[in-house]
Amino acid sequence: MARDLAIDLGTANTLVYCKGRGIVLNEPTVIALNSRTQDVLAMGKDAWQMIGRTPGYIVAVRPLRQGAITDFDITERMIRLLLQRSGVSRLNRPRVLICVPSAITSVERRAVKEATQRAGASTAFLIEQPMAAAIGAGLPIHEPVGNMVVDVGGGTSETAVISLGGMVSSRAIRCGGFDIDAAVSTYVRREYGVAIGERTAEEIKMAIGSAAPYDGEVKAEVRGRELMTGMPKTVVLSPSELRIAIEDQVSQIIDASVQCLGEAPPELAQDIMTQGVHLVGGGALLRGLAQRLADETAVPVHMVDTPLECVVQGAGRCLESFDALQRLFVTDDA
C-alpha cells in the first residue's frame, strides 16, 4: 500500500511527512543541474552547499522564488526526486497533499497539482500554509474563536485570522527570509564596497541579525570581495547596523500583520487579544521579531514549539484524519 504524503514545498526548505511515520525528509529547496546535459546532479543539502561555488556549466537553482514557482519543469523533477526518496515507486502511487502559499494564483495552483501528478502521485490536494500552520500549532480552528497565525517563510510572509475552519481575513506579502538576506548583502555592498554571497548573508543574519535590540550584542566579522580591487576583504558589522539594513523588510512583515488584524471582525479581534498571535516559519526565528510584533499590535505573541516543522505537521494531521479535514483543502474554483 502506498502511504499518503504531505509536502511543504517552501521557498527555503522542503519537508515531507509520511502518514504513520511522521517527517521523513527535511532538505533545502535547491536543485543542482548540469546546464549542458540538463542532468540533476544533487538536491537538498548537497545542492545548497554548491550555491555560489560551481563552475559555469553547473547551476544550483531554487525552483521557487517568493512563494511562486519560477521553473515548472525543474519543480516537477524536484517533486519526483522527493517522492522517490520517500519510497514512492511506479507500483505504489500515493495521495499527496501539498502546502501552498495563499498568495498563489489559480493557474499556479493547477500547475502545482499537474506537476505533482506527473511526478508520480495518484491524486494531489492543496492546503493553504496558514491553515496547515494553525492545525500544526494545535489551535482550535473548528470552534467559533479567533485564531491568528503569522507565518514568516523564506519567500512569503502570510498572516491569517481563522475561525470555524475558514480564513476570515488574510494578508500575504512576497517578502520573507530571503529578502532579509538580500538586504544584508545590499547594505554591505553599499556601505563597505564589499560583495558577499547569498549564504554569507544568511550566516550573518543568523549570527547577529535582530528586529529589536537584545542583551549581549556582539559584532561579527564578514569576509567578502572588495568591489574596487577584486581582493578579499574583512569588515566588522554590528547588530545595530544590521537592524538598519533589514528595517524595511521587518516593517513590511509587521505592517501586513497589523492590517490583517485590522480587517478581522471586532468579536474575533477580542478573542485574539486573549489568545494571542502564533508565530511560525523559519523567518520567525529572527531575534526580537516576536517582541517587536507584540509591541506594535499590543497583542501577546507566542512562538510555536517547532516553527520550521509546524506547517508540514499540520498537513500531516490532515492526512491522519483525511475524511474529517478534507473540507479545509483548496478547491479548484477557489
C-alpha atoms as a PDB file:
ATOM      1  CA  MET A   1       0.000   0.000   0.000  1.00  0.00           C
ATOM      2  CA  ALA A   2       1.235   3.469  -0.836  1.00  0.00           C
ATOM      3  CA  ARG A   3       1.462   5.717   2.202  1.00  0.00           C
ATOM      4  CA  ASP A   4      -0.081   9.157   1.773  1.00  0.00           C
ATOM      5  CA  LEU A   5       2.419  12.032   1.808  1.00  0.00           C
ATOM      6  CA  ALA A   6       2.237  15.710   2.766  1.00  0.00           C
ATOM      7  CA  ILE A   7       4.787  18.092   1.238  1.00  0.00           C
ATOM      8  CA  ASP A   8       5.556  21.594   2.486  1.00  0.00           C
ATOM      9  CA  LEU A   9       7.141  22.966  -0.683  1.00  0.00           C
ATOM     10  CA  GLY A  10       8.750  26.075   0.781  1.00  0.00           C
ATOM     11  CA  THR A  11      10.958  28.658  -0.906  1.00  0.00           C
ATOM     12  CA  ALA A  12      13.789  27.859   1.553  1.00  0.00           C
ATOM     13  CA  ASN A  13      13.155  24.302   2.785  1.00  0.00           C
ATOM     14  CA  THR A  14      11.047  21.362   1.682  1.00  0.00           C
ATOM     15  CA  LEU A  15       9.651  18.946   4.260  1.00  0.00           C
ATOM     16  CA  VAL A  16       7.879  15.656   3.594  1.00  0.00           C
ATOM     17  CA  TYR A  17       5.516  13.963   6.069  1.00  0.00           C
ATOM     18  CA  CYS A  18       4.618  10.314   5.549  1.00  0.00           C
ATOM     19  CA  LYS A  19       1.334   9.078   7.020  1.00  0.00           C
ATOM     20  CA  GLY A  20       2.012   6.882  10.040  1.00  0.00           C
ATOM     21  CA  ARG A  21       5.760   7.684  10.071  1.00  0.00           C
ATOM     22  CA  GLY A  22       5.987  11.454  10.605  1.00  0.00           C
ATOM     23  CA  ILE A  23       8.529  13.763   8.939  1.00  0.00           C
ATOM     24  CA  VAL A  24      10.769  11.674   6.668  1.00  0.00           C
ATOM     25  CA  LEU A  25      12.602  14.423   4.779  1.00  0.00           C
ATOM     26  CA  ASN A  26      13.769  17.960   5.562  1.00  0.00           C
ATOM     27  CA  GLU A  27      16.015  19.476   2.889  1.00  0.00           C
ATOM     28  CA  PRO A  28      16.773  22.934   1.447  1.00  0.00           C
ATOM     29  CA  THR A  29      14.686  23.635  -1.689  1.00  0.00           C
ATOM     30  CA  VAL A  30      17.696  23.669  -4.029  1.00  0.00           C
ATOM     31  CA  ILE A  31      18.498  21.528  -7.039  1.00  0.00           C
ATOM     32  CA  ALA A  32      21.852  21.426  -8.903  1.00  0.00           C
ATOM     33  CA  LEU A  33      21.761  20.886 -12.679  1.00  0.00           C
ATOM     34  CA  ASN A  34      24.309  20.385 -15.401  1.00  0.00           C
ATOM     35  CA  SER A  35      23.164  23.095 -17.863  1.00  0.00           C
ATOM     36  CA  ARG A  36      24.760  21.241 -20.818  1.00  0.00           C
ATOM     37  CA  THR A  37      23.008  17.910 -20.319  1.00  0.00           C
ATOM     38  CA  GLN A  38      20.133  19.046 -18.023  1.00  0.00           C
ATOM     39  CA  ASP A  39      21.020  16.171 -15.649  1.00  0.00           C
ATOM     40  CA  VAL A  40      20.190  16.587 -11.967  1.00  0.00           C
ATOM     41  CA  LEU A  41      23.479  16.390 -10.043  1.00  0.00           C
ATOM     42  CA  ALA A  42      22.271  16.967  -6.491  1.00  0.00           C
ATOM     43  CA  MET A  43      19.272  18.035  -4.447  1.00  0.00           C
ATOM     44  CA  GLY A  44      18.740  19.450  -0.992  1.00  0.00           C
ATOM     45  CA  LYS A  45      21.717  19.893   1.349  1.00  0.00           C
ATOM     46  CA  ASP A  46      24.268  18.714  -1.249  1.00  0.00           C
ATOM     47  CA  ALA A  47      22.973  21.225  -3.821  1.00  0.00           C
ATOM     48  CA  TRP A  48      22.735  24.007  -1.183  1.00  0.00           C
ATOM     49  CA  GLN A  49      26.454  23.650  -0.469  1.00  0.00           C
ATOM     50  CA  MET A  50      27.121  24.306  -4.177  1.00  0.00           C
ATOM     51  CA  ILE A  51      25.402  27.743  -4.270  1.00  0.00           C
ATOM     52  CA  GLY A  52      27.935  30.339  -5.441  1.00  0.00           C
ATOM     53  CA  ARG A  53      30.693  27.716  -5.726  1.00  0.00           C
ATOM     54  CA  THR A  54      30.082  25.987  -9.050  1.00  0.00           C
ATOM     55  CA  PRO A  55      31.762  26.170 -12.462  1.00  0.00           C
ATOM     56  CA  GLY A  56      29.807  27.915 -15.219  1.00  0.00           C
ATOM     57  CA  TYR A  57      28.016  24.853 -16.582  1.00  0.00           C
ATOM     58  CA  ILE A  58      26.677  23.696 -13.179  1.00  0.00           C
ATOM     59  CA  VAL A  59      23.815  25.764 -11.795  1.00  0.00           C
ATOM     60  CA  ALA A  60      22.413  25.451  -8.279  1.00  0.00           C
ATOM     61  CA  VAL A  61      18.886  26.853  -8.521  1.00  0.00           C
ATOM     62  CA  ARG A  62      15.926  27.400  -6.219  1.00  0.00           C
ATOM     63  CA  PRO A  63      12.798  26.328  -8.167  1.00  0.00           C
ATOM     64  CA  LEU A  64      10.649  28.660  -6.038  1.00  0.00           C
ATOM     65  CA  ARG A  65      11.149  32.370  -5.570  1.00  0.00           C
ATOM     66  CA  GLN A  66       8.902  34.483  -3.345  1.00  0.00           C
ATOM     67  CA  GLY A  67       6.491  31.582  -2.943  1.00  0.00           C
ATOM     68  CA  ALA A  68       5.960  31.285  -6.719  1.00  0.00           C
ATOM     69  CA  ILE A  69       7.275  28.532  -8.961  1.00  0.00           C
ATOM     70  CA  THR A  70       9.824  30.052 -11.337  1.00  0.00           C
ATOM     71  CA  ASP A  71      10.510  26.892 -13.342  1.00  0.00           C
ATOM     72  CA  PHE A  72       7.793  24.238 -13.547  1.00  0.00           C
ATOM     73  CA  ASP A  73       9.990  21.649 -15.258  1.00  0.00           C
ATOM     74  CA  ILE A  74      12.624  21.801 -12.505  1.00  0.00           C
ATOM     75  CA  THR A  75       9.910  21.803  -9.818  1.00  0.00           C
ATOM     76  CA  GLU A  76       8.383  18.656 -11.301  1.00  0.00           C
ATOM     77  CA  ARG A  77      11.790  16.963 -11.321  1.00  0.00           C
ATOM     78  CA  MET A  78      12.325  18.012  -7.723  1.00  0.00           C
ATOM     79  CA  ILE A  79       8.931  16.642  -6.617  1.00  0.00           C
ATOM     80  CA  ARG A  80       9.740  13.385  -8.424  1.00  0.00           C
ATOM     81  CA  LEU A  81      13.044  13.115  -6.517  1.00  0.00           C
ATOM     82  CA  LEU A  82      11.245  13.883  -3.239  1.00  0.00           C
ATOM     83  CA  LEU A  83       8.702  11.127  -3.910  1.00  0.00           C
ATOM     84  CA  GLN A  84      11.484   8.665  -4.805  1.00  0.00           C
ATOM     85  CA  ARG A  85      13.387   9.479  -1.601  1.00  0.00           C
ATOM     86  CA  SER A  86      10.170   8.953   0.357  1.00  0.00           C
ATOM     87  CA  GLY A  87       9.840   5.422  -1.044  1.00  0.00           C
ATOM     88  CA  VAL A  88       7.369   6.019  -3.887  1.00  0.00           C
ATOM     89  CA  SER A  89       7.781   3.755  -6.925  1.00  0.00           C
ATOM     90  CA  ARG A  90       5.789   3.129 -10.104  1.00  0.00           C
ATOM     91  CA  LEU A  91       3.843   0.417  -8.312  1.00  0.00           C
ATOM     92  CA  ASN A  92       2.645   2.497  -5.356  1.00  0.00           C
ATOM     93  CA  ARG A  93       1.213   5.894  -6.221  1.00  0.00           C
ATOM     94  CA  PRO A  94       0.219   7.771  -3.050  1.00  0.00           C
ATOM     95  CA  ARG A  95      -2.191  10.627  -2.485  1.00  0.00           C
ATOM     96  CA  VAL A  96      -0.130  13.781  -1.939  1.00  0.00           C
ATOM     97  CA  LEU A  97      -1.179  16.875  -0.014  1.00  0.00           C
ATOM     98  CA  ILE A  98       0.865  19.984  -0.872  1.00  0.00           C
ATOM     99  CA  CYS A  99       1.045  23.125   1.277  1.00  0.00           C
ATOM    100  CA  VAL A 100       0.925  26.248  -0.914  1.00  0.00           C
ATOM    101  CA  PRO A 101       1.110  29.987  -0.133  1.00  0.00           C
ATOM    102  CA  SER A 102      -2.328  31.637  -0.017  1.00  0.00           C
ATOM    103  CA  ALA A 103      -0.989  34.283  -2.433  1.00  0.00           C
ATOM    104  CA  ILE A 104      -0.592  31.951  -5.430  1.00  0.00           C
ATOM    105  CA  THR A 105      -2.954  32.260  -8.377  1.00  0.00           C
ATOM    106  CA  SER A 106      -5.397  29.614  -9.643  1.00  0.00           C
ATOM    107  CA  VAL A 107      -3.074  28.998 -12.624  1.00  0.00           C
ATOM    108  CA  GLU A 108      -0.175  28.291 -10.260  1.00  0.00           C
ATOM    109  CA  ARG A 109      -2.419  26.001  -8.181  1.00  0.00           C
ATOM    110  CA  ARG A 110      -3.324  23.914 -11.235  1.00  0.00           C
ATOM    111  CA  ALA A 111       0.332  23.789 -12.283  1.00  0.00           C
ATOM    112  CA  VAL A 112       1.435  22.505  -8.843  1.00  0.00           C
ATOM    113  CA  LYS A 113      -1.243  19.784  -8.979  1.00  0.00           C
ATOM    114  CA  GLU A 114      -0.258  18.731 -12.506  1.00  0.00           C
ATOM    115  CA  ALA A 115       3.457  18.713 -11.651  1.00  0.00           C
ATOM    116  CA  THR A 116       2.757  16.510  -8.595  1.00  0.00           C
ATOM    117  CA  GLN A 117       0.638  14.042 -10.548  1.00  0.00           C
ATOM    118  CA  ARG A 118       3.183  13.842 -13.376  1.00  0.00           C
ATOM    119  CA  ALA A 119       5.886  13.221 -10.757  1.00  0.00           C
ATOM    120  CA  GLY A 120       4.102  10.071  -9.535  1.00  0.00           C
ATOM    121  CA  ALA A 121       1.174  10.939  -7.239  1.00  0.00           C
ATOM    122  CA  SER A 122      -2.202   9.264  -7.814  1.00  0.00           C
ATOM    123  CA  THR A 123      -4.059  12.442  -6.783  1.00  0.00           C
ATOM    124  CA  ALA A 124      -2.851  15.803  -5.492  1.00  0.00           C
ATOM    125  CA  PHE A 125      -4.603  18.030  -2.959  1.00  0.00           C
ATOM    126  CA  LEU A 126      -3.639  21.539  -1.853  1.00  0.00           C
ATOM    127  CA  ILE A 127      -3.927  23.241   1.523  1.00  0.00           C
ATOM    128  CA  GLU A 128      -3.023  26.849   2.279  1.00  0.00           C
ATOM    129  CA  GLN A 129       0.015  27.267   4.515  1.00  0.00           C
ATOM    130  CA  PRO A 130      -1.615  29.456   7.230  1.00  0.00           C
ATOM    131  CA  MET A 131      -4.383  26.859   7.653  1.00  0.00           C
ATOM    132  CA  ALA A 132      -1.852  23.994   7.888  1.00  0.00           C
ATOM    133  CA  ALA A 133       0.238  26.069  10.339  1.00  0.00           C
ATOM    134  CA  ALA A 134      -2.809  26.657  12.572  1.00  0.00           C
ATOM    135  CA  ILE A 135      -3.558  22.900  12.620  1.00  0.00           C
ATOM    136  CA  GLY A 136       0.122  22.138  13.314  1.00  0.00           C
ATOM    137  CA  ALA A 137       0.151  24.640  16.183  1.00  0.00           C
ATOM    138  CA  GLY A 138      -2.823  22.816  17.719  1.00  0.00           C
ATOM    139  CA  LEU A 139      -5.205  25.775  17.532  1.00  0.00           C
ATOM    140  CA  PRO A 140      -8.984  25.173  17.871  1.00  0.00           C
ATOM    141  CA  ILE A 141      -9.715  26.119  14.239  1.00  0.00           C
ATOM    142  CA  HIS A 142     -13.184  24.478  14.132  1.00  0.00           C
ATOM    143  CA  GLU A 143     -14.536  26.500  17.051  1.00  0.00           C
ATOM    144  CA  PRO A 144     -16.122  29.965  16.743  1.00  0.00           C
ATOM    145  CA  VAL A 145     -12.972  31.532  18.218  1.00  0.00           C
ATOM    146  CA  GLY A 146     -10.471  33.859  16.528  1.00  0.00           C
ATOM    147  CA  ASN A 147      -7.056  32.241  15.930  1.00  0.00           C
ATOM    148  CA  MET A 148      -4.309  34.336  14.332  1.00  0.00           C
ATOM    149  CA  VAL A 149      -1.235  32.847  12.663  1.00  0.00           C
ATOM    150  CA  VAL A 150       1.762  34.756  11.268  1.00  0.00           C
ATOM    151  CA  ASP A 151       3.893  32.521   9.000  1.00  0.00           C
ATOM    152  CA  VAL A 152       7.219  34.133   8.026  1.00  0.00           C
ATOM    153  CA  GLY A 153       8.774  31.941   5.351  1.00  0.00           C
ATOM    154  CA  GLY A 154      11.748  32.276   3.023  1.00  0.00           C
ATOM    155  CA  GLY A 155       9.878  33.945   0.160  1.00  0.00           C
ATOM    156  CA  THR A 156       6.486  34.938   1.559  1.00  0.00           C
ATOM    157  CA  SER A 157       5.020  36.110   4.852  1.00  0.00           C
ATOM    158  CA  GLU A 158       1.408  35.178   5.471  1.00  0.00           C
ATOM    159  CA  THR A 159      -0.972  36.276   8.174  1.00  0.00           C
ATOM    160  CA  ALA A 160      -4.439  34.822   8.678  1.00  0.00           C
ATOM    161  CA  VAL A 161      -7.278  35.031  11.173  1.00  0.00           C
ATOM    162  CA  ILE A 162      -9.037  31.655  11.264  1.00  0.00           C
ATOM    163  CA  SER A 163     -12.409  30.754  12.754  1.00  0.00           C
ATOM    164  CA  LEU A 164     -14.831  27.850  12.175  1.00  0.00           C
ATOM    165  CA  GLY A 165     -12.472  26.105   9.760  1.00  0.00           C
ATOM    166  CA  GLY A 166     -12.069  29.049   7.387  1.00  0.00           C
ATOM    167  CA  MET A 167      -9.877  32.104   6.891  1.00  0.00           C
ATOM    168  CA  VAL A 168     -11.822  35.210   7.924  1.00  0.00           C
ATOM    169  CA  SER A 169      -9.117  37.678   6.929  1.00  0.00           C
ATOM    170  CA  SER A 170      -5.686  37.108   5.439  1.00  0.00           C
ATOM    171  CA  ARG A 171      -2.693  39.029   4.125  1.00  0.00           C
ATOM    172  CA  ALA A 172       0.152  37.583   2.087  1.00  0.00           C
ATOM    173  CA  ILE A 173       3.199  39.538   1.002  1.00  0.00           C
ATOM    174  CA  ARG A 174       6.067  38.332  -1.141  1.00  0.00           C
ATOM    175  CA  CYS A 175       8.679  39.259   1.447  1.00  0.00           C
ATOM    176  CA  GLY A 176      10.489  36.846   3.754  1.00  0.00           C
ATOM    177  CA  GLY A 177      13.823  35.493   4.938  1.00  0.00           C
ATOM    178  CA  PHE A 178      15.499  35.711   1.515  1.00  0.00           C
ATOM    179  CA  ASP A 179      14.553  39.376   1.181  1.00  0.00           C
ATOM    180  CA  ILE A 180      16.197  39.996   4.565  1.00  0.00           C
ATOM    181  CA  ASP A 181      19.352  38.185   3.333  1.00  0.00           C
ATOM    182  CA  ALA A 182      19.346  40.300   0.154  1.00  0.00           C
ATOM    183  CA  ALA A 183      19.010  43.488   2.250  1.00  0.00           C
ATOM    184  CA  VAL A 184      22.073  42.465   4.317  1.00  0.00           C
ATOM    185  CA  SER A 185      24.048  41.804   1.129  1.00  0.00           C
ATOM    186  CA  THR A 186      22.993  45.170  -0.390  1.00  0.00           C
ATOM    187  CA  TYR A 187      23.915  47.052   2.811  1.00  0.00           C
ATOM    188  CA  VAL A 188      27.445  45.554   2.958  1.00  0.00           C
ATOM    189  CA  ARG A 189      27.961  46.317  -0.743  1.00  0.00           C
ATOM    190  CA  ARG A 190      26.715  49.922  -0.399  1.00  0.00           C
ATOM    191  CA  GLU A 191      28.377  50.882   2.894  1.00  0.00           C
ATOM    192  CA  TYR A 192      31.663  48.967   2.650  1.00  0.00           C
ATOM    193  CA  GLY A 193      32.085  48.288  -1.089  1.00  0.00           C
ATOM    194  CA  VAL A 194      32.313  44.556  -0.392  1.00  0.00           C
ATOM    195  CA  ALA A 195      30.367  41.862  -2.274  1.00  0.00           C
ATOM    196  CA  ILE A 196      29.164  38.872  -0.233  1.00  0.00           C
ATOM    197  CA  GLY A 197      27.273  35.767  -1.323  1.00  0.00           C
ATOM    198  CA  GLU A 198      23.779  34.558  -0.506  1.00  0.00           C
ATOM    199  CA  ARG A 199      24.995  32.001   2.048  1.00  0.00           C
ATOM    200  CA  THR A 200      27.281  34.501   3.820  1.00  0.00           C
ATOM    201  CA  ALA A 201      24.407  36.999   4.128  1.00  0.00           C
ATOM    202  CA  GLU A 202      22.242  34.290   5.702  1.00  0.00           C
ATOM    203  CA  GLU A 203      25.008  33.336   8.158  1.00  0.00           C
ATOM    204  CA  ILE A 204      25.407  36.988   9.274  1.00  0.00           C
ATOM    205  CA  LYS A 205      21.624  37.307   9.733  1.00  0.00           C
ATOM    206  CA  MET A 206      21.554  34.191  11.901  1.00  0.00           C
ATOM    207  CA  ALA A 207      24.615  35.260  13.902  1.00  0.00           C
ATOM    208  CA  ILE A 208      23.770  38.888  14.765  1.00  0.00           C
ATOM    209  CA  GLY A 209      20.530  39.806  12.953  1.00  0.00           C
ATOM    210  CA  SER A 210      17.616  41.121  15.044  1.00  0.00           C
ATOM    211  CA  ALA A 211      14.374  43.080  14.771  1.00  0.00           C
ATOM    212  CA  ALA A 212      14.909  44.789  18.144  1.00  0.00           C
ATOM    213  CA  PRO A 213      17.897  45.441  20.470  1.00  0.00           C
ATOM    214  CA  TYR A 214      18.854  42.447  22.649  1.00  0.00           C
ATOM    215  CA  ASP A 215      21.213  41.679  25.534  1.00  0.00           C
ATOM    216  CA  GLY A 216      24.764  40.540  24.888  1.00  0.00           C
ATOM    217  CA  GLU A 217      25.125  42.034  21.405  1.00  0.00           C
ATOM    218  CA  VAL A 218      28.452  41.246  19.714  1.00  0.00           C
ATOM    219  CA  LYS A 219      29.958  42.297  16.401  1.00  0.00           C
ATOM    220  CA  ALA A 220      30.681  39.866  13.588  1.00  0.00           C
ATOM    221  CA  GLU A 221      33.469  39.661  11.021  1.00  0.00           C
ATOM    222  CA  VAL A 222      32.327  39.371   7.426  1.00  0.00           C
ATOM    223  CA  ARG A 223      34.611  38.234   4.622  1.00  0.00           C
ATOM    224  CA  GLY A 224      33.881  39.123   1.015  1.00  0.00           C
ATOM    225  CA  ARG A 225      35.365  40.517  -2.201  1.00  0.00           C
ATOM    226  CA  GLU A 226      36.178  44.215  -2.396  1.00  0.00           C
ATOM    227  CA  LEU A 227      34.499  45.689  -5.481  1.00  0.00           C
ATOM    228  CA  MET A 228      37.255  48.232  -6.255  1.00  0.00           C
ATOM    229  CA  THR A 229      40.242  45.884  -6.169  1.00  0.00           C
ATOM    230  CA  GLY A 230      38.657  42.429  -6.516  1.00  0.00           C
ATOM    231  CA  MET A 231      40.717  41.318  -3.488  1.00  0.00           C
ATOM    232  CA  PRO A 232      39.337  39.511  -0.404  1.00  0.00           C
ATOM    233  CA  LYS A 233      38.480  41.873   2.444  1.00  0.00           C
ATOM    234  CA  THR A 234      37.153  41.545   6.008  1.00  0.00           C
ATOM    235  CA  VAL A 235      34.717  44.048   7.540  1.00  0.00           C
ATOM    236  CA  VAL A 236      33.166  44.150  11.022  1.00  0.00           C
ATOM    237  CA  LEU A 237      29.394  44.575  11.356  1.00  0.00           C
ATOM    238  CA  SER A 238      27.411  45.443  14.472  1.00  0.00           C
ATOM    239  CA  PRO A 239      23.841  44.258  15.255  1.00  0.00           C
ATOM    240  CA  SER A 240      22.603  47.885  15.174  1.00  0.00           C
ATOM    241  CA  GLU A 241      23.884  48.267  11.577  1.00  0.00           C
ATOM    242  CA  LEU A 242      22.099  45.078  10.605  1.00  0.00           C
ATOM    243  CA  ARG A 243      18.833  46.349  12.128  1.00  0.00           C
ATOM    244  CA  ILE A 244      19.118  49.438   9.909  1.00  0.00           C
ATOM    245  CA  ALA A 245      19.794  47.195   6.874  1.00  0.00           C
ATOM    246  CA  ILE A 246      16.722  44.983   7.377  1.00  0.00           C
ATOM    247  CA  GLU A 247      14.295  47.549   8.837  1.00  0.00           C
ATOM    248  CA  ASP A 248      12.315  47.889   5.601  1.00  0.00           C
ATOM    249  CA  GLN A 249      11.634  44.122   5.342  1.00  0.00           C
ATOM    250  CA  VAL A 250      10.775  43.736   9.052  1.00  0.00           C
ATOM    251  CA  SER A 251       8.371  46.696   8.808  1.00  0.00           C
ATOM    252  CA  GLN A 252       6.614  45.128   5.794  1.00  0.00           C
ATOM    253  CA  ILE A 253       6.025  41.868   7.719  1.00  0.00           C
ATOM    254  CA  ILE A 254       4.713  43.711  10.785  1.00  0.00           C
ATOM    255  CA  ASP A 255       2.510  46.075   8.711  1.00  0.00           C
ATOM    256  CA  ALA A 256       0.880  43.080   6.967  1.00  0.00           C
ATOM    257  CA  SER A 257       0.112  41.518  10.377  1.00  0.00           C
ATOM    258  CA  VAL A 258      -1.374  44.788  11.672  1.00  0.00           C
ATOM    259  CA  GLN A 259      -3.557  45.167   8.533  1.00  0.00           C
ATOM    260  CA  CYS A 260      -4.813  41.566   8.797  1.00  0.00           C
ATOM    261  CA  LEU A 261      -5.713  42.110  12.450  1.00  0.00           C
ATOM    262  CA  GLY A 262      -7.442  45.370  11.496  1.00  0.00           C
ATOM    263  CA  GLU A 263      -9.645  43.553   8.938  1.00  0.00           C
ATOM    264  CA  ALA A 264     -10.867  40.952  11.453  1.00  0.00           C
ATOM    265  CA  PRO A 265     -14.391  41.392  12.890  1.00  0.00           C
ATOM    266  CA  PRO A 266     -14.407  43.014  16.372  1.00  0.00           C
ATOM    267  CA  GLU A 267     -15.546  39.810  18.125  1.00  0.00           C
ATOM    268  CA  LEU A 268     -12.624  37.841  16.706  1.00  0.00           C
ATOM    269  CA  ALA A 269     -10.171  40.678  17.415  1.00  0.00           C
ATOM    270  CA  GLN A 270     -11.287  40.449  21.034  1.00  0.00           C
ATOM    271  CA  ASP A 271     -10.500  36.683  21.059  1.00  0.00           C
ATOM    272  CA  ILE A 272      -7.062  37.312  19.575  1.00  0.00           C
ATOM    273  CA  MET A 273      -6.256  39.823  22.344  1.00  0.00           C
ATOM    274  CA  THR A 274      -6.799  36.974  24.818  1.00  0.00           C
ATOM    275  CA  GLN A 275      -5.450  34.057  22.763  1.00  0.00           C
ATOM    276  CA  GLY A 276      -2.515  35.949  21.238  1.00  0.00           C
ATOM    277  CA  VAL A 277      -0.828  35.663  17.849  1.00  0.00           C
ATOM    278  CA  HIS A 278       1.053  32.462  16.938  1.00  0.00           C
ATOM    279  CA  LEU A 279       4.323  32.970  15.082  1.00  0.00           C
ATOM    280  CA  VAL A 280       5.546  30.157  12.772  1.00  0.00           C
ATOM    281  CA  GLY A 281       8.038  29.699   9.912  1.00  0.00           C
ATOM    282  CA  GLY A 282      11.826  29.906   9.687  1.00  0.00           C
ATOM    283  CA  GLY A 283      11.799  33.707   9.458  1.00  0.00           C
ATOM    284  CA  ALA A 284      10.041  33.790  12.839  1.00  0.00           C
ATOM    285  CA  LEU A 285      13.366  32.755  14.414  1.00  0.00           C
ATOM    286  CA  LEU A 286      14.789  36.249  13.773  1.00  0.00           C
ATOM    287  CA  ARG A 287      15.717  37.635  17.212  1.00  0.00           C
ATOM    288  CA  GLY A 288      13.295  40.185  18.592  1.00  0.00           C
ATOM    289  CA  LEU A 289      10.624  39.695  15.896  1.00  0.00           C
ATOM    290  CA  ALA A 290       8.063  38.320  18.372  1.00  0.00           C
ATOM    291  CA  GLN A 291       8.759  41.188  20.784  1.00  0.00           C
ATOM    292  CA  ARG A 292       8.521  43.798  18.030  1.00  0.00           C
ATOM    293  CA  LEU A 293       5.237  42.330  16.763  1.00  0.00           C
ATOM    294  CA  ALA A 294       3.814  42.278  20.296  1.00  0.00           C
ATOM    295  CA  ASP A 295       4.809  45.935  20.842  1.00  0.00           C
ATOM    296  CA  GLU A 296       3.261  47.145  17.577  1.00  0.00           C
ATOM    297  CA  THR A 297      -0.009  45.177  17.791  1.00  0.00           C
ATOM    298  CA  ALA A 298      -0.463  45.372  21.588  1.00  0.00           C
ATOM    299  CA  VAL A 299      -1.361  41.657  21.458  1.00  0.00           C
ATOM    300  CA  PRO A 300       0.626  38.819  23.112  1.00  0.00           C
ATOM    301  CA  VAL A 301       2.763  36.873  20.596  1.00  0.00           C
ATOM    302  CA  HIS A 302       3.621  33.179  21.081  1.00  0.00           C
ATOM    303  CA  MET A 303       6.375  31.387  19.198  1.00  0.00           C
ATOM    304  CA  VAL A 304       5.220  27.825  18.448  1.00  0.00           C
ATOM    305  CA  ASP A 305       7.416  24.937  19.647  1.00  0.00           C
ATOM    306  CA  THR A 306       8.572  23.836  16.175  1.00  0.00           C
ATOM    307  CA  PRO A 307       8.273  26.887  13.872  1.00  0.00           C
ATOM    308  CA  LEU A 308      10.042  25.207  10.934  1.00  0.00           C
ATOM    309  CA  GLU A 309       8.041  21.959  11.015  1.00  0.00           C
ATOM    310  CA  CYS A 310       4.676  23.430  12.064  1.00  0.00           C
ATOM    311  CA  VAL A 311       3.163  23.672   8.546  1.00  0.00           C
ATOM    312  CA  VAL A 312       4.043  20.135   7.460  1.00  0.00           C
ATOM    313  CA  GLN A 313       2.909  18.735  10.836  1.00  0.00           C
ATOM    314  CA  GLY A 314      -0.474  20.388  10.281  1.00  0.00           C
ATOM    315  CA  ALA A 315      -0.682  18.881   6.796  1.00  0.00           C
ATOM    316  CA  GLY A 316       0.287  15.534   8.316  1.00  0.00           C
ATOM    317  CA  ARG A 317      -2.627  15.759  10.763  1.00  0.00           C
ATOM    318  CA  CYS A 318      -4.903  16.325   7.755  1.00  0.00           C
ATOM    319  CA  LEU A 319      -3.619  13.031   6.285  1.00  0.00           C
ATOM    320  CA  GLU A 320      -4.198  11.178   9.552  1.00  0.00           C
ATOM    321  CA  SER A 321      -7.825  12.467   9.679  1.00  0.00           C
ATOM    322  CA  PHE A 322      -8.300  12.763   5.906  1.00  0.00           C
ATOM    323  CA  ASP A 323     -12.092  12.498   5.657  1.00  0.00           C
ATOM    324  CA  ALA A 324     -12.753  14.795   8.613  1.00  0.00           C
ATOM    325  CA  LEU A 325     -10.414  17.561   7.440  1.00  0.00           C
ATOM    326  CA  GLN A 326     -10.770  17.261   3.649  1.00  0.00           C
ATOM    327  CA  ARG A 327     -13.128  20.261   3.520  1.00  0.00           C
ATOM    328  CA  LEU A 328     -10.187  22.509   4.525  1.00  0.00           C
ATOM    329  CA  PHE A 329      -8.376  21.758   1.254  1.00  0.00           C
ATOM    330  CA  VAL A 330      -8.235  24.328  -1.534  1.00  0.00           C
ATOM    331  CA  THR A 331     -10.758  23.656  -4.302  1.00  0.00           C
ATOM    332  CA  ASP A 332     -10.017  24.402  -7.965  1.00  0.00           C
ATOM    333  CA  ASP A 333     -12.548  27.221  -8.127  1.00  0.00           C
ATOM    334  CA  ALA A 334     -11.058  28.982  -5.049  1.00  0.00           C
END
